[in-house]
Amino acid sequence: MKLFQTLIAASFVMMGSQMAFADQPAVEQYNYSSHLDIAKVIHQDAAPSVCGVAPVQMTYLDHQGQEHIMQYNVMGNGCADS
């Protein structure tokens, strides 16, 4: 019985977390043919401290006021010149 109650509680927690993200736009993957309509950048991840290519995200508004999240690759800034 206790296991059943735990499973029910966990399912409600998972449903709540999904509902919290329901109003967030889906992450779009950038490619060279992507048409970008960027009116205002809301947030942009900094380049990570890795030596290599890494994914980052940018959140922006288009000219209609719709929010988008774009994921794209950047070169990290963790490579040391030797």
Protein backbone atom coordinates (compact mmCIF):
# COMPACT_ATOMS: atom_id res chain seq x y z
CA MET A 1 0.00 0.00 0.00
CA LYS A 2 2.84 2.40 0.86
CA LEU A 3 4.49 1.72 -2.52
CA PHE A 4 1.22 2.53 -4.30
CA GLN A 5 0.90 5.84 -2.43
CA THR A 6 4.51 6.70 -3.30
CA LEU A 7 3.89 5.96 -6.99
CA ILE A 8 0.75 8.11 -7.01
CA ALA A 9 2.58 10.99 -5.32
CA ALA A 10 5.47 10.72 -7.77
CA SER A 11 3.11 10.80 -10.75
CA PHE A 12 1.51 14.01 -9.47
CA VAL A 13 4.94 15.59 -9.03
CA MET A 14 5.90 14.63 -12.59
CA MET A 15 2.62 15.96 -13.98
CA GLY A 16 3.16 19.23 -12.13
CA SER A 17 6.66 19.63 -13.48
CA GLN A 18 5.43 18.96 -17.03
CA MET A 19 2.68 21.54 -16.59
CA ALA A 20 5.20 24.10 -15.35
CA PHE A 21 7.13 23.76 -18.62
CA ALA A 22 4.04 23.56 -20.83
CA ASP A 23 4.07 27.31 -21.52
CA GLN A 24 7.74 27.28 -22.55
CA PRO A 25 8.48 27.13 -26.26
CA ALA A 26 10.14 24.05 -27.72
CA VAL A 27 13.88 24.27 -28.24
CA GLU A 28 14.64 24.81 -31.92
CA GLN A 29 17.88 23.47 -33.38
CA TYR A 30 19.74 26.02 -35.49
CA ASN A 31 21.01 25.10 -38.94
CA TYR A 32 22.34 27.23 -41.77
CA SER A 33 18.98 27.34 -43.54
CA SER A 34 17.11 28.58 -40.43
CA HIS A 35 15.20 31.80 -40.97
CA LEU A 36 15.85 33.94 -37.90
CA ASP A 37 13.37 36.68 -36.97
CA ILE A 38 15.06 38.16 -33.88
CA ALA A 39 13.57 41.38 -32.54
CA LYS A 40 15.01 41.18 -29.01
CA VAL A 41 17.44 38.80 -27.31
CA ILE A 42 16.21 37.89 -23.82
CA HIS A 43 19.02 35.55 -22.74
CA GLN A 44 22.13 34.10 -24.32
CA ASP A 45 24.32 31.42 -22.73
CA ALA A 46 28.01 32.23 -22.39
CA ALA A 47 30.55 30.06 -24.18
CA PRO A 48 31.50 27.23 -21.83
CA SER A 49 35.02 26.64 -20.54
CA VAL A 50 35.72 23.58 -22.67
CA CYS A 51 38.20 23.00 -25.46
CA GLY A 52 35.89 22.04 -28.29
CA VAL A 53 32.46 22.62 -29.73
CA ALA A 54 29.60 22.84 -27.22
CA PRO A 55 25.87 23.58 -27.45
CA VAL A 56 24.45 26.84 -26.06
CA GLN A 57 21.00 28.39 -26.13
CA MET A 58 19.58 31.80 -26.91
CA THR A 59 16.09 32.92 -25.90
CA TYR A 60 14.62 35.68 -28.04
CA LEU A 61 11.41 37.39 -29.14
CA ASP A 62 10.44 37.59 -32.79
CA HIS A 63 8.74 40.64 -34.35
CA GLN A 64 5.30 39.25 -33.42
CA GLY A 65 6.30 38.99 -29.75
CA GLN A 66 6.55 35.17 -29.75
CA GLU A 67 9.29 33.70 -27.58
CA HIS A 68 11.74 31.22 -29.12
CA ILE A 69 14.61 29.16 -27.75
CA MET A 70 17.35 28.42 -30.28
CA GLN A 71 20.11 25.91 -29.61
CA TYR A 72 23.33 26.20 -31.59
CA ASN A 73 26.99 25.19 -31.33
CA VAL A 74 29.90 27.43 -30.35
CA MET A 75 33.60 26.87 -29.81
CA GLY A 76 34.34 26.78 -26.10
CA ASN A 77 36.84 29.18 -24.59
CA GLY A 78 38.77 26.56 -22.60
CA CYS A 79 41.59 25.96 -25.08
CA ALA A 80 44.93 27.33 -23.92
CA ASP A 81 47.50 28.58 -26.43
CA SER A 82 50.70 26.61 -25.88
